[in-house]
Amino acid sequence: MAEKLPKPDALRIVAAVILGIFVGFILFFVFALFIGAFNQAMGMNIPVSTQVAENILSAVLLIVIIIICIIYFCWKVWTTPPTTPESEVLETTEDETTDEF
């Protein structure tokens, strides 16, 4: 059976949302770059540009990509257990215990 994961901290959820927003913006600009290069090379008229204030299709694409990224990173936070630091074991070797001047 799958073991139950603890509920993630609010800080991890906030970090996932912020990361989703940043990655969403970057992916949108990459998609817009490739679509623009494809438009210019093929002479097509796909109305996607980085001017989201003037183009509703670009604004919708930006929002959809950001929402998908936020959902993905939140899902990763919910399904991945938090890391726990391993206790440090102090091991002394013979070289450390001898006093050399």
Protein backbone atom coordinates (compact mmCIF):
# COMPACT_ATOMS: atom_id res chain seq x y z
CA MET A 1 0.00 0.00 0.00
CA ALA A 2 1.06 3.56 -0.54
CA GLU A 3 2.11 5.28 2.62
CA LYS A 4 0.32 8.46 3.60
CA LEU A 5 2.33 11.58 3.02
CA PRO A 6 2.14 14.41 5.53
CA LYS A 7 0.29 17.55 4.51
CA PRO A 8 2.80 19.96 2.92
CA ASP A 9 3.72 23.19 4.65
CA ALA A 10 2.23 26.45 3.45
CA LEU A 11 5.72 27.68 2.54
CA ARG A 12 6.17 24.79 0.09
CA ILE A 13 2.80 25.55 -1.52
CA VAL A 14 3.65 29.26 -1.86
CA ALA A 15 7.02 28.35 -3.36
CA ALA A 16 5.29 26.05 -5.87
CA VAL A 17 2.89 28.83 -6.90
CA ILE A 18 5.70 31.37 -7.33
CA LEU A 19 7.79 28.87 -9.30
CA GLY A 20 4.77 28.06 -11.46
CA ILE A 21 4.27 31.74 -12.28
CA PHE A 22 7.92 32.26 -13.23
CA VAL A 23 8.15 29.08 -15.30
CA GLY A 24 4.80 29.90 -16.95
CA PHE A 25 6.06 33.31 -18.08
CA ILE A 26 9.27 31.82 -19.43
CA LEU A 27 7.42 29.06 -21.29
CA PHE A 28 4.99 31.60 -22.74
CA PHE A 29 7.84 33.67 -24.14
CA VAL A 30 9.51 30.57 -25.56
CA PHE A 31 6.23 29.48 -27.21
CA ALA A 32 5.67 32.98 -28.57
CA LEU A 33 9.22 33.03 -29.95
CA PHE A 34 8.77 29.71 -31.75
CA ILE A 35 5.32 30.62 -33.05
CA GLY A 36 6.67 33.96 -34.29
CA ALA A 37 9.59 32.27 -36.05
CA PHE A 38 7.18 29.74 -37.59
CA ASN A 39 4.88 32.58 -38.73
CA GLN A 40 7.73 34.42 -40.40
CA ALA A 41 9.21 31.33 -42.04
CA MET A 42 5.92 29.98 -43.40
CA GLY A 43 4.17 33.28 -44.07
CA MET A 44 1.24 32.26 -41.87
CA ASN A 45 -0.80 34.62 -39.73
CA ILE A 46 -1.08 32.93 -36.32
CA PRO A 47 -2.08 35.77 -33.97
CA VAL A 48 0.19 34.97 -31.01
CA SER A 49 2.65 37.58 -29.84
CA THR A 50 4.10 38.83 -26.58
CA GLN A 51 1.72 41.81 -26.61
CA VAL A 52 -0.88 40.34 -24.27
CA ALA A 53 -2.63 43.70 -23.79
CA GLU A 54 -3.54 43.90 -27.49
CA ASN A 55 -4.10 40.25 -28.31
CA ILE A 56 -6.69 38.18 -26.42
CA LEU A 57 -5.29 34.89 -27.77
CA SER A 58 -1.88 35.70 -26.33
CA ALA A 59 -3.40 36.64 -22.98
CA VAL A 60 -5.39 33.40 -22.85
CA LEU A 61 -2.32 31.36 -23.79
CA LEU A 62 -0.30 33.10 -21.07
CA ILE A 63 -2.94 32.41 -18.40
CA VAL A 64 -3.37 28.77 -19.47
CA ILE A 65 0.39 28.11 -19.39
CA ILE A 66 0.75 29.74 -15.97
CA ILE A 67 -2.18 27.74 -14.55
CA ILE A 68 -0.76 24.48 -15.93
CA CYS A 69 2.65 25.24 -14.41
CA ILE A 70 1.14 26.14 -11.02
CA ILE A 71 -0.93 22.94 -10.99
CA TYR A 72 2.11 20.85 -11.93
CA PHE A 73 4.36 22.28 -9.22
CA CYS A 74 1.61 22.06 -6.57
CA TRP A 75 1.05 18.43 -7.54
CA LYS A 76 4.79 17.78 -7.15
CA VAL A 77 4.70 19.36 -3.69
CA TRP A 78 1.71 17.24 -2.63
CA THR A 79 3.21 13.97 -3.93
CA THR A 80 6.81 14.47 -2.81
CA PRO A 81 7.61 14.10 0.88
CA PRO A 82 9.58 16.92 2.49
CA THR A 83 13.26 16.34 2.91
CA THR A 84 14.51 15.74 6.41
CA PRO A 85 18.09 16.57 7.27
CA GLU A 86 20.13 13.58 8.27
CA SER A 87 21.58 13.76 11.74
CA GLU A 88 25.23 14.55 11.63
CA VAL A 89 27.37 11.79 13.00
CA LEU A 90 30.60 13.01 14.46
CA GLU A 91 33.29 10.60 13.45
CA THR A 92 36.75 11.16 14.72
CA THR A 93 39.68 9.57 13.02
CA GLU A 94 43.15 9.08 14.32
CA ASP A 95 44.46 11.96 12.19
CA GLU A 96 42.08 14.43 13.82
CA THR A 97 42.85 13.42 17.37
CA THR A 98 46.61 13.76 17.14
CA ASP A 99 48.20 17.13 17.69
CA GLU A 100 50.77 17.86 15.04
CA PHE A 101 52.78 21.04 15.15
